[in-house]
Amino acid sequence: MALDQMPRFEVVLIDSKEYFEYTPAIISSMVNPSMSDKVKIPYSTIVKNTHLHIGCVDQVTKEYLVAGNHKFPFNYAIFATGSSYTSHFKGYNFSTSYRTKRINLEFKELEAAEKILVIGGGN
């Protein structure tokens, strides 16, 4: 994160989880659960000078935003809202252990299936 390297900025990252997840690779994890840890990168290994707040933004004004019980004043705000789709993987529990458990459950369901249809398998 480029802003993290600039001491003139105080950067606050608000996310619902403590890690970055490369979501398109989740499908690979479903067929090979050992991949699940490889698609997650803890923010602590990416950013060093950034304050990380785990939660969701509840309110935004021109001067501050509110996430949970915390009020964050700002001069500039960057909103990266992410994606949204219906899946067990886009639930509200983003803990690493829960996500790993879900991937293992999906793998077991795939392993037990008699027929699997793959559409848009990519390269």
N, C-alpha and C. Protein backbone atom coordinates (compact mmCIF):
# COMPACT_ATOMS: atom_id res chain seq x y z
N MET A 1 0.86 -1.16 0.00
CA MET A 1 0.00 0.00 0.00
C MET A 1 0.91 1.23 0.00
N ALA A 2 0.84 2.02 -1.05
CA ALA A 2 1.73 3.16 -1.23
C ALA A 2 1.59 4.21 -0.13
N LEU A 3 0.38 4.49 0.31
CA LEU A 3 0.18 5.52 1.35
C LEU A 3 0.81 5.10 2.67
N ASP A 4 0.90 3.82 2.91
CA ASP A 4 1.49 3.30 4.14
C ASP A 4 2.95 3.72 4.27
N GLN A 5 3.63 3.92 3.14
CA GLN A 5 5.05 4.25 3.13
C GLN A 5 5.32 5.75 3.30
N MET A 6 4.28 6.57 3.30
CA MET A 6 4.45 8.02 3.36
C MET A 6 4.14 8.53 4.76
N PRO A 7 5.16 8.93 5.53
CA PRO A 7 4.93 9.33 6.92
C PRO A 7 4.07 10.58 7.09
N ARG A 8 3.88 11.34 6.03
CA ARG A 8 3.06 12.56 6.17
C ARG A 8 1.57 12.24 6.28
N PHE A 9 1.20 11.00 5.98
CA PHE A 9 -0.20 10.59 6.05
C PHE A 9 -0.45 9.71 7.27
N GLU A 10 -1.58 9.91 7.91
CA GLU A 10 -2.07 8.98 8.91
C GLU A 10 -3.16 8.17 8.21
N VAL A 11 -2.89 6.90 8.01
CA VAL A 11 -3.80 6.05 7.24
C VAL A 11 -4.54 5.12 8.18
N VAL A 12 -5.85 5.03 7.99
CA VAL A 12 -6.69 4.11 8.74
C VAL A 12 -7.36 3.18 7.73
N LEU A 13 -7.22 1.90 7.93
CA LEU A 13 -7.85 0.90 7.07
C LEU A 13 -8.96 0.24 7.88
N ILE A 14 -10.17 0.33 7.38
CA ILE A 14 -11.32 -0.30 8.04
C ILE A 14 -11.77 -1.45 7.16
N ASP A 15 -11.77 -2.64 7.73
CA ASP A 15 -12.17 -3.82 6.97
C ASP A 15 -12.91 -4.76 7.92
N SER A 16 -13.72 -5.62 7.34
CA SER A 16 -14.49 -6.56 8.14
C SER A 16 -13.65 -7.76 8.57
N LYS A 17 -12.43 -7.85 8.06
CA LYS A 17 -11.56 -8.97 8.42
C LYS A 17 -10.13 -8.48 8.58
N GLU A 18 -9.28 -9.30 9.21
CA GLU A 18 -7.91 -8.88 9.49
C GLU A 18 -6.94 -9.27 8.38
N TYR A 19 -7.46 -9.69 7.25
CA TYR A 19 -6.60 -10.14 6.15
C TYR A 19 -7.18 -9.72 4.80
N PHE A 20 -6.28 -9.65 3.80
CA PHE A 20 -6.70 -9.47 2.42
C PHE A 20 -6.93 -10.86 1.86
N GLU A 21 -8.01 -11.00 1.12
CA GLU A 21 -8.32 -12.31 0.53
C GLU A 21 -8.50 -12.14 -0.97
N TYR A 22 -7.78 -12.97 -1.72
CA TYR A 22 -7.93 -12.97 -3.17
C TYR A 22 -9.11 -13.89 -3.48
N THR A 23 -10.30 -13.29 -3.49
CA THR A 23 -11.55 -14.03 -3.59
C THR A 23 -11.65 -14.96 -4.80
N PRO A 24 -11.17 -14.57 -6.00
CA PRO A 24 -11.29 -15.51 -7.13
C PRO A 24 -10.60 -16.85 -6.88
N ALA A 25 -9.62 -16.89 -6.01
CA ALA A 25 -8.91 -18.15 -5.74
C ALA A 25 -9.65 -19.05 -4.76
N ILE A 26 -10.76 -18.57 -4.20
CA ILE A 26 -11.52 -19.39 -3.26
C ILE A 26 -11.98 -20.68 -3.94
N ILE A 27 -12.33 -20.61 -5.20
CA ILE A 27 -12.79 -21.81 -5.91
C ILE A 27 -11.69 -22.86 -5.94
N SER A 28 -10.46 -22.43 -6.15
CA SER A 28 -9.33 -23.38 -6.09
C SER A 28 -9.23 -24.00 -4.71
N SER A 29 -9.49 -23.22 -3.68
CA SER A 29 -9.43 -23.73 -2.31
C SER A 29 -10.51 -24.77 -2.05
N MET A 30 -11.64 -24.63 -2.73
CA MET A 30 -12.73 -25.58 -2.52
C MET A 30 -12.36 -26.97 -3.02
N VAL A 31 -11.54 -27.05 -4.05
CA VAL A 31 -11.14 -28.36 -4.57
C VAL A 31 -9.78 -28.79 -4.03
N ASN A 32 -9.07 -27.86 -3.40
CA ASN A 32 -7.79 -28.18 -2.80
C ASN A 32 -7.66 -27.34 -1.52
N PRO A 33 -8.22 -27.81 -0.40
CA PRO A 33 -8.25 -27.03 0.84
C PRO A 33 -6.88 -26.54 1.32
N SER A 34 -5.81 -27.20 0.93
CA SER A 34 -4.49 -26.73 1.36
C SER A 34 -4.15 -25.36 0.77
N MET A 35 -4.89 -24.95 -0.25
CA MET A 35 -4.68 -23.63 -0.87
C MET A 35 -5.31 -22.50 -0.06
N SER A 36 -6.21 -22.81 0.88
CA SER A 36 -6.98 -21.76 1.55
C SER A 36 -6.10 -20.74 2.27
N ASP A 37 -5.00 -21.18 2.86
CA ASP A 37 -4.11 -20.23 3.53
C ASP A 37 -3.32 -19.39 2.54
N LYS A 38 -3.18 -19.85 1.32
CA LYS A 38 -2.41 -19.12 0.32
C LYS A 38 -3.19 -17.98 -0.32
N VAL A 39 -4.50 -17.97 -0.17
CA VAL A 39 -5.30 -16.90 -0.77
C VAL A 39 -5.58 -15.78 0.23
N LYS A 40 -5.07 -15.92 1.46
CA LYS A 40 -5.26 -14.91 2.50
C LYS A 40 -3.91 -14.35 2.92
N ILE A 41 -3.83 -13.02 2.96
CA ILE A 41 -2.60 -12.37 3.41
C ILE A 41 -2.97 -11.47 4.59
N PRO A 42 -2.44 -11.74 5.77
CA PRO A 42 -2.75 -10.88 6.92
C PRO A 42 -2.31 -9.44 6.64
N TYR A 43 -3.16 -8.48 6.96
CA TYR A 43 -2.80 -7.08 6.76
C TYR A 43 -1.52 -6.73 7.52
N SER A 44 -1.27 -7.39 8.63
CA SER A 44 -0.08 -7.09 9.42
C SER A 44 1.21 -7.33 8.65
N THR A 45 1.16 -8.17 7.61
CA THR A 45 2.35 -8.42 6.80
C THR A 45 2.43 -7.48 5.60
N ILE A 46 1.36 -6.75 5.32
CA ILE A 46 1.32 -5.85 4.16
C ILE A 46 1.58 -4.40 4.56
N VAL A 47 0.91 -3.96 5.62
CA VAL A 47 1.00 -2.57 6.04
C VAL A 47 1.65 -2.48 7.42
N LYS A 48 2.48 -1.48 7.59
CA LYS A 48 3.20 -1.32 8.86
C LYS A 48 2.82 -0.03 9.59
N ASN A 49 2.52 1.03 8.87
CA ASN A 49 2.24 2.33 9.47
C ASN A 49 0.76 2.70 9.39
N THR A 50 -0.07 1.72 9.18
CA THR A 50 -1.51 1.93 9.03
C THR A 50 -2.23 1.39 10.25
N HIS A 51 -3.19 2.18 10.74
CA HIS A 51 -4.04 1.70 11.83
C HIS A 51 -5.13 0.84 11.22
N LEU A 52 -5.24 -0.41 11.65
CA LEU A 52 -6.26 -1.33 11.14
C LEU A 52 -7.40 -1.40 12.14
N HIS A 53 -8.60 -1.16 11.65
CA HIS A 53 -9.80 -1.27 12.48
C HIS A 53 -10.68 -2.35 11.86
N ILE A 54 -10.98 -3.39 12.62
CA ILE A 54 -11.85 -4.47 12.14
C ILE A 54 -13.29 -4.07 12.41
N GLY A 55 -14.07 -3.97 11.36
CA GLY A 55 -15.47 -3.60 11.49
C GLY A 55 -16.01 -3.11 10.17
N CYS A 56 -17.18 -2.53 10.21
CA CYS A 56 -17.84 -1.99 9.03
C CYS A 56 -18.21 -0.53 9.28
N VAL A 57 -18.20 0.25 8.23
CA VAL A 57 -18.56 1.66 8.35
C VAL A 57 -20.08 1.76 8.45
N ASP A 58 -20.54 2.46 9.48
CA ASP A 58 -21.97 2.61 9.72
C ASP A 58 -22.51 3.96 9.28
N GLN A 59 -21.65 4.99 9.28
CA GLN A 59 -22.11 6.34 8.97
C GLN A 59 -20.95 7.13 8.37
N VAL A 60 -21.27 7.97 7.38
CA VAL A 60 -20.27 8.83 6.76
C VAL A 60 -20.82 10.25 6.71
N THR A 61 -20.00 11.21 7.17
CA THR A 61 -20.33 12.63 7.03
C THR A 61 -19.20 13.27 6.23
N LYS A 62 -19.25 14.58 6.06
CA LYS A 62 -18.18 15.27 5.33
C LYS A 62 -16.88 15.34 6.13
N GLU A 63 -16.97 15.20 7.45
CA GLU A 63 -15.77 15.32 8.28
C GLU A 63 -15.29 14.03 8.94
N TYR A 64 -16.16 13.06 9.11
CA TYR A 64 -15.77 11.84 9.81
C TYR A 64 -16.64 10.67 9.36
N LEU A 65 -16.19 9.48 9.74
CA LEU A 65 -17.04 8.31 9.55
C LEU A 65 -17.06 7.54 10.85
N VAL A 66 -18.10 6.74 11.00
CA VAL A 66 -18.29 5.95 12.22
C VAL A 66 -18.25 4.47 11.85
N ALA A 67 -17.44 3.73 12.60
CA ALA A 67 -17.38 2.28 12.45
C ALA A 67 -17.50 1.69 13.85
N GLY A 68 -18.63 1.06 14.11
CA GLY A 68 -18.88 0.54 15.46
C GLY A 68 -18.98 1.70 16.43
N ASN A 69 -18.20 1.66 17.51
CA ASN A 69 -18.20 2.73 18.51
C ASN A 69 -17.10 3.74 18.28
N HIS A 70 -16.44 3.68 17.12
CA HIS A 70 -15.31 4.55 16.84
C HIS A 70 -15.66 5.61 15.79
N LYS A 71 -15.19 6.81 16.03
CA LYS A 71 -15.39 7.93 15.12
C LYS A 71 -14.03 8.27 14.51
N PHE A 72 -13.95 8.29 13.19
CA PHE A 72 -12.70 8.55 12.49
C PHE A 72 -12.80 9.84 11.68
N PRO A 73 -12.18 10.93 12.15
CA PRO A 73 -12.15 12.15 11.34
C PRO A 73 -11.20 11.94 10.16
N PHE A 74 -11.47 12.62 9.04
CA PHE A 74 -10.60 12.47 7.88
C PHE A 74 -10.58 13.74 7.04
N ASN A 75 -9.50 13.88 6.28
CA ASN A 75 -9.40 14.92 5.26
C ASN A 75 -9.77 14.34 3.90
N TYR A 76 -9.36 13.11 3.68
CA TYR A 76 -9.67 12.40 2.44
C TYR A 76 -10.10 10.99 2.80
N ALA A 77 -11.06 10.48 2.07
CA ALA A 77 -11.52 9.10 2.29
C ALA A 77 -11.55 8.37 0.96
N ILE A 78 -11.09 7.14 0.98
CA ILE A 78 -11.14 6.27 -0.19
C ILE A 78 -12.04 5.11 0.17
N PHE A 79 -13.09 4.91 -0.60
CA PHE A 79 -14.03 3.83 -0.34
C PHE A 79 -13.84 2.73 -1.38
N ALA A 80 -13.49 1.56 -0.93
CA ALA A 80 -13.37 0.39 -1.79
C ALA A 80 -14.37 -0.62 -1.23
N THR A 81 -15.54 -0.67 -1.83
CA THR A 81 -16.65 -1.42 -1.25
C THR A 81 -16.61 -2.91 -1.51
N GLY A 82 -15.74 -3.37 -2.40
CA GLY A 82 -15.63 -4.81 -2.62
C GLY A 82 -16.77 -5.34 -3.47
N SER A 83 -16.96 -6.64 -3.39
CA SER A 83 -17.97 -7.29 -4.21
C SER A 83 -19.07 -7.87 -3.32
N SER A 84 -20.15 -8.24 -3.97
CA SER A 84 -21.26 -8.82 -3.24
C SER A 84 -21.88 -9.93 -4.08
N TYR A 85 -22.06 -11.08 -3.49
CA TYR A 85 -22.74 -12.18 -4.14
C TYR A 85 -23.22 -13.17 -3.09
N THR A 86 -24.15 -14.02 -3.47
CA THR A 86 -24.70 -14.98 -2.54
C THR A 86 -23.79 -16.20 -2.48
N SER A 87 -23.23 -16.45 -1.33
CA SER A 87 -22.36 -17.59 -1.13
C SER A 87 -22.06 -17.73 0.35
N HIS A 88 -21.69 -18.91 0.77
CA HIS A 88 -21.25 -19.11 2.14
C HIS A 88 -20.01 -18.28 2.43
N PHE A 89 -19.24 -18.00 1.39
CA PHE A 89 -17.98 -17.29 1.56
C PHE A 89 -18.15 -15.80 1.73
N LYS A 90 -19.31 -15.27 1.45
CA LYS A 90 -19.54 -13.84 1.64
C LYS A 90 -20.49 -13.61 2.80
N GLY A 91 -20.39 -14.44 3.82
CA GLY A 91 -21.21 -14.29 5.02
C GLY A 91 -20.68 -13.17 5.89
N TYR A 92 -21.11 -13.16 7.14
CA TYR A 92 -20.70 -12.10 8.06
C TYR A 92 -19.60 -12.54 9.01
N ASN A 93 -19.26 -13.81 9.01
CA ASN A 93 -18.17 -14.29 9.86
C ASN A 93 -16.93 -14.42 8.98
N PHE A 94 -15.98 -13.51 9.15
CA PHE A 94 -14.80 -13.49 8.29
C PHE A 94 -13.56 -14.01 8.99
N SER A 95 -13.72 -14.61 10.17
CA SER A 95 -12.54 -15.09 10.87
C SER A 95 -11.84 -16.15 10.03
N THR A 96 -10.55 -16.21 10.17
CA THR A 96 -9.76 -17.17 9.40
C THR A 96 -10.20 -18.60 9.68
N SER A 97 -10.44 -18.92 10.95
CA SER A 97 -10.83 -20.29 11.29
C SER A 97 -12.19 -20.65 10.69
N TYR A 98 -13.13 -19.71 10.70
CA TYR A 98 -14.45 -19.99 10.12
C TYR A 98 -14.32 -20.21 8.61
N ARG A 99 -13.56 -19.34 7.94
CA ARG A 99 -13.42 -19.47 6.49
C ARG A 99 -12.75 -20.79 6.12
N THR A 100 -11.74 -21.20 6.87
CA THR A 100 -11.07 -22.47 6.61
C THR A 100 -12.05 -23.63 6.83
N LYS A 101 -12.85 -23.55 7.87
CA LYS A 101 -13.85 -24.59 8.14
C LYS A 101 -14.85 -24.69 6.99
N ARG A 102 -15.32 -23.53 6.47
CA ARG A 102 -16.29 -23.52 5.36
C ARG A 102 -15.67 -24.15 4.11
N ILE A 103 -14.43 -23.82 3.84
CA ILE A 103 -13.75 -24.38 2.66
C ILE A 103 -13.63 -25.89 2.79
N ASN A 104 -13.28 -26.37 3.96
CA ASN A 104 -13.18 -27.82 4.18
C ASN A 104 -14.53 -28.51 4.03
N LEU A 105 -15.60 -27.86 4.50
CA LEU A 105 -16.95 -28.43 4.34
C LEU A 105 -17.33 -28.50 2.86
N GLU A 106 -17.03 -27.44 2.12
CA GLU A 106 -17.33 -27.43 0.67
C GLU A 106 -16.54 -28.54 -0.03
N PHE A 107 -15.29 -28.72 0.36
CA PHE A 107 -14.47 -29.77 -0.23
C PHE A 107 -15.08 -31.14 0.01
N LYS A 108 -15.55 -31.39 1.23
CA LYS A 108 -16.16 -32.68 1.56
C LYS A 108 -17.43 -32.91 0.74
N GLU A 109 -18.22 -31.85 0.52
CA GLU A 109 -19.42 -31.97 -0.31
C GLU A 109 -19.04 -32.29 -1.75
N LEU A 110 -18.02 -31.64 -2.27
CA LEU A 110 -17.56 -31.92 -3.63
C LEU A 110 -17.02 -33.35 -3.73
N GLU A 111 -16.29 -33.76 -2.72
CA GLU A 111 -15.72 -35.10 -2.71
C GLU A 111 -16.80 -36.18 -2.71
N ALA A 112 -17.92 -35.91 -2.05
CA ALA A 112 -19.01 -36.87 -1.95
C ALA A 112 -19.96 -36.83 -3.16
N ALA A 113 -19.85 -35.81 -3.98
CA ALA A 113 -20.78 -35.66 -5.12
C ALA A 113 -20.54 -36.73 -6.17
N GLU A 114 -21.65 -37.16 -6.80
CA GLU A 114 -21.54 -38.12 -7.88
C GLU A 114 -21.34 -37.43 -9.22
N LYS A 115 -21.89 -36.21 -9.35
CA LYS A 115 -21.75 -35.45 -10.59
C LYS A 115 -21.43 -34.00 -10.24
N ILE A 116 -20.54 -33.40 -11.02
CA ILE A 116 -20.18 -32.00 -10.84
C ILE A 116 -20.18 -31.34 -12.20
N LEU A 117 -20.83 -30.18 -12.29
CA LEU A 117 -20.87 -29.41 -13.53
C LEU A 117 -20.01 -28.17 -13.34
N VAL A 118 -19.03 -27.98 -14.22
CA VAL A 118 -18.17 -26.80 -14.16
C VAL A 118 -18.50 -25.92 -15.34
N ILE A 119 -18.84 -24.67 -15.07
CA ILE A 119 -19.16 -23.71 -16.13
C ILE A 119 -18.20 -22.55 -16.01
N GLY A 120 -17.56 -22.17 -17.10
CA GLY A 120 -16.63 -21.05 -17.08
C GLY A 120 -15.39 -21.36 -16.29
N GLY A 121 -14.75 -22.47 -16.57
CA GLY A 121 -13.57 -22.91 -15.83
C GLY A 121 -12.34 -22.07 -16.02
N GLY A 122 -12.35 -21.15 -16.96
CA GLY A 122 -11.19 -20.28 -17.16
C GLY A 122 -10.07 -20.99 -17.90
N ASN A 123 -8.85 -20.49 -17.70
CA ASN A 123 -7.69 -21.00 -18.45
C ASN A 123 -7.28 -22.38 -18.00
